[in-house]
Amino acid sequence: MITVTEEARKELEAYFADKEKTPVRVYLAPGGCGGPRLALALDEPGEDDETAEDNDLTFCINKELAQKVGAVTITLTYMGFVVESEIPLPNSGGGCSSCCGGCGSSGGCN
């Protein structure tokens, strides 16, 4: 199940206002210190995908990934779209602070 907040839906509709609406894929993107994260891309669904409709928007996600993450919520923040999962993704790095000084820091672990 994919849920889109009102703000995120408005932003997507504004993006597609002068374009042909294409499906939006939820996918697993590699992460930095914090590990993998869910992200969005424009892509056509394949046979290994499930799809969801939200008004005139179509979303797709790999069936196996959908089972692993559970329900997905797409929100909009001041930094852009955020894709959150019901079941947390494994976090191999523990977040930016685990980089011995945080992201953008030139300091190493002591």
C-alpha atoms as a PDB file:
ATOM      1  CA  MET A   1       0.000   0.000   0.000  1.00  0.00           C
ATOM      2  CA  ILE A   2       1.296   3.432  -0.973  1.00  0.00           C
ATOM      3  CA  THR A   3      -0.080   6.574   0.639  1.00  0.00           C
ATOM      4  CA  VAL A   4       0.676  10.076  -0.643  1.00  0.00           C
ATOM      5  CA  THR A   5       0.154  13.119   1.562  1.00  0.00           C
ATOM      6  CA  GLU A   6      -1.806  16.050   0.151  1.00  0.00           C
ATOM      7  CA  GLU A   7       1.328  18.225  -0.076  1.00  0.00           C
ATOM      8  CA  ALA A   8       3.292  15.532  -1.922  1.00  0.00           C
ATOM      9  CA  ARG A   9       0.404  14.877  -4.313  1.00  0.00           C
ATOM     10  CA  LYS A  10       0.132  18.604  -5.128  1.00  0.00           C
ATOM     11  CA  GLU A  11       3.870  18.782  -5.839  1.00  0.00           C
ATOM     12  CA  LEU A  12       3.710  15.743  -8.137  1.00  0.00           C
ATOM     13  CA  GLU A  13       0.660  17.146  -9.930  1.00  0.00           C
ATOM     14  CA  ALA A  14       2.504  20.451 -10.415  1.00  0.00           C
ATOM     15  CA  TYR A  15       5.487  18.572 -11.860  1.00  0.00           C
ATOM     16  CA  PHE A  16       3.268  16.736 -14.354  1.00  0.00           C
ATOM     17  CA  ALA A  17       1.167  19.821 -15.197  1.00  0.00           C
ATOM     18  CA  ASP A  18       2.851  20.291 -18.580  1.00  0.00           C
ATOM     19  CA  LYS A  19       4.102  16.716 -19.064  1.00  0.00           C
ATOM     20  CA  GLU A  20       2.607  13.330 -19.767  1.00  0.00           C
ATOM     21  CA  LYS A  21       1.968  11.558 -16.470  1.00  0.00           C
ATOM     22  CA  THR A  22       4.237   8.556 -16.148  1.00  0.00           C
ATOM     23  CA  PRO A  23       4.349   6.047 -13.287  1.00  0.00           C
ATOM     24  CA  VAL A  24       6.458   6.872 -10.241  1.00  0.00           C
ATOM     25  CA  ARG A  25       8.604   4.047  -8.884  1.00  0.00           C
ATOM     26  CA  VAL A  26       9.402   3.564  -5.198  1.00  0.00           C
ATOM     27  CA  TYR A  27      12.805   1.879  -5.075  1.00  0.00           C
ATOM     28  CA  LEU A  28      15.607   1.026  -2.680  1.00  0.00           C
ATOM     29  CA  ALA A  29      18.453   3.510  -3.145  1.00  0.00           C
ATOM     30  CA  PRO A  30      21.906   3.071  -1.670  1.00  0.00           C
ATOM     31  CA  GLY A  31      22.548   5.297   1.307  1.00  0.00           C
ATOM     32  CA  GLY A  32      25.629   6.842   2.745  1.00  0.00           C
ATOM     33  CA  CYS A  33      26.357   6.490   6.430  1.00  0.00           C
ATOM     34  CA  GLY A  34      22.712   5.771   7.227  1.00  0.00           C
ATOM     35  CA  GLY A  35      22.343   2.773   4.938  1.00  0.00           C
ATOM     36  CA  PRO A  36      19.775   2.222   2.197  1.00  0.00           C
ATOM     37  CA  ARG A  37      16.697   4.421   1.817  1.00  0.00           C
ATOM     38  CA  LEU A  38      13.518   4.441  -0.229  1.00  0.00           C
ATOM     39  CA  ALA A  39      13.439   6.930  -3.103  1.00  0.00           C
ATOM     40  CA  LEU A  40      11.328   7.909  -6.129  1.00  0.00           C
ATOM     41  CA  ALA A  41      12.009   7.763  -9.862  1.00  0.00           C
ATOM     42  CA  LEU A  42       9.979   7.880 -13.054  1.00  0.00           C
ATOM     43  CA  ASP A  43       9.687   4.338 -14.414  1.00  0.00           C
ATOM     44  CA  GLU A  44       7.250   1.935 -16.054  1.00  0.00           C
ATOM     45  CA  PRO A  45       6.036  -1.018 -13.952  1.00  0.00           C
ATOM     46  CA  GLY A  46       7.244  -4.505 -14.840  1.00  0.00           C
ATOM     47  CA  GLU A  47       5.900  -7.955 -14.179  1.00  0.00           C
ATOM     48  CA  ASP A  48       7.670  -8.108 -10.791  1.00  0.00           C
ATOM     49  CA  ASP A  49       5.941  -4.927  -9.601  1.00  0.00           C
ATOM     50  CA  GLU A  50       2.734  -4.062  -7.854  1.00  0.00           C
ATOM     51  CA  THR A  51       1.027  -0.799  -8.679  1.00  0.00           C
ATOM     52  CA  ALA A  52      -1.131   1.649  -6.748  1.00  0.00           C
ATOM     53  CA  GLU A  53      -3.252   4.556  -7.928  1.00  0.00           C
ATOM     54  CA  ASP A  54      -3.672   7.863  -6.103  1.00  0.00           C
ATOM     55  CA  ASN A  55      -6.035  10.172  -7.998  1.00  0.00           C
ATOM     56  CA  ASP A  56      -4.433  10.374 -11.464  1.00  0.00           C
ATOM     57  CA  LEU A  57      -0.992   9.260 -10.265  1.00  0.00           C
ATOM     58  CA  THR A  58       0.349   5.713 -10.661  1.00  0.00           C
ATOM     59  CA  PHE A  59       3.005   4.314  -8.338  1.00  0.00           C
ATOM     60  CA  CYS A  60       4.916   1.054  -8.660  1.00  0.00           C
ATOM     61  CA  ILE A  61       7.163  -0.931  -6.347  1.00  0.00           C
ATOM     62  CA  ASN A  62       8.872  -4.287  -6.673  1.00  0.00           C
ATOM     63  CA  LYS A  63       6.667  -6.948  -5.055  1.00  0.00           C
ATOM     64  CA  GLU A  64       9.525  -8.385  -2.982  1.00  0.00           C
ATOM     65  CA  LEU A  65      10.530  -4.932  -1.725  1.00  0.00           C
ATOM     66  CA  ALA A  66       6.891  -4.142  -0.915  1.00  0.00           C
ATOM     67  CA  GLN A  67       6.687  -7.241   1.288  1.00  0.00           C
ATOM     68  CA  LYS A  68       9.884  -6.261   3.116  1.00  0.00           C
ATOM     69  CA  VAL A  69       8.939  -2.632   3.802  1.00  0.00           C
ATOM     70  CA  GLY A  70       5.157  -2.861   4.314  1.00  0.00           C
ATOM     71  CA  ALA A  71       3.056   0.244   3.801  1.00  0.00           C
ATOM     72  CA  VAL A  72       4.837   3.215   2.228  1.00  0.00           C
ATOM     73  CA  THR A  73       4.071   6.901   2.831  1.00  0.00           C
ATOM     74  CA  ILE A  74       5.318   9.646   0.527  1.00  0.00           C
ATOM     75  CA  THR A  75       5.556  13.070   2.148  1.00  0.00           C
ATOM     76  CA  LEU A  76       6.997  16.430   1.144  1.00  0.00           C
ATOM     77  CA  THR A  77       9.417  18.394   3.301  1.00  0.00           C
ATOM     78  CA  TYR A  78      11.431  21.543   2.678  1.00  0.00           C
ATOM     79  CA  MET A  79      14.182  19.245   1.353  1.00  0.00           C
ATOM     80  CA  GLY A  80      11.967  17.357  -1.114  1.00  0.00           C
ATOM     81  CA  PHE A  81      10.134  14.055  -1.099  1.00  0.00           C
ATOM     82  CA  VAL A  82      10.575  11.649   1.793  1.00  0.00           C
ATOM     83  CA  VAL A  83       9.560   8.002   1.390  1.00  0.00           C
ATOM     84  CA  GLU A  84       8.951   6.227   4.692  1.00  0.00           C
ATOM     85  CA  SER A  85       8.224   2.553   5.236  1.00  0.00           C
ATOM     86  CA  GLU A  86       6.069   0.847   7.833  1.00  0.00           C
ATOM     87  CA  ILE A  87       8.852  -1.683   8.500  1.00  0.00           C
ATOM     88  CA  PRO A  88      12.165   0.116   9.078  1.00  0.00           C
ATOM     89  CA  LEU A  89      14.980  -0.589   6.651  1.00  0.00           C
ATOM     90  CA  PRO A  90      18.143  -2.163   8.011  1.00  0.00           C
ATOM     91  CA  ASN A  91      20.594   0.557   8.983  1.00  0.00           C
ATOM     92  CA  SER A  92      24.139  -0.640   8.658  1.00  0.00           C
ATOM     93  CA  GLY A  93      25.782   2.614   9.619  1.00  0.00           C
ATOM     94  CA  GLY A  94      23.656   4.028  12.414  1.00  0.00           C
ATOM     95  CA  GLY A  95      23.097   7.416  10.791  1.00  0.00           C
ATOM     96  CA  CYS A  96      25.353  10.286   9.882  1.00  0.00           C
ATOM     97  CA  SER A  97      26.769  10.631  13.362  1.00  0.00           C
ATOM     98  CA  SER A  98      28.288   7.172  13.012  1.00  0.00           C
ATOM     99  CA  CYS A  99      30.786   8.545  10.485  1.00  0.00           C
ATOM    100  CA  CYS A 100      33.047   9.699  13.283  1.00  0.00           C
ATOM    101  CA  GLY A 101      32.157  13.354  13.047  1.00  0.00           C
ATOM    102  CA  GLY A 102      29.061  13.296  10.894  1.00  0.00           C
ATOM    103  CA  CYS A 103      28.478  13.911   7.223  1.00  0.00           C
ATOM    104  CA  GLY A 104      30.665  16.598   5.738  1.00  0.00           C
ATOM    105  CA  SER A 105      33.160  16.231   8.556  1.00  0.00           C
ATOM    106  CA  SER A 106      36.821  15.766   7.737  1.00  0.00           C
ATOM    107  CA  GLY A 107      37.498  14.372  11.202  1.00  0.00           C
ATOM    108  CA  GLY A 108      38.130  10.683  11.611  1.00  0.00           C
ATOM    109  CA  CYS A 109      37.478   8.259  14.420  1.00  0.00           C
ATOM    110  CA  ASN A 110      39.864   8.519  17.344  1.00  0.00           C
END
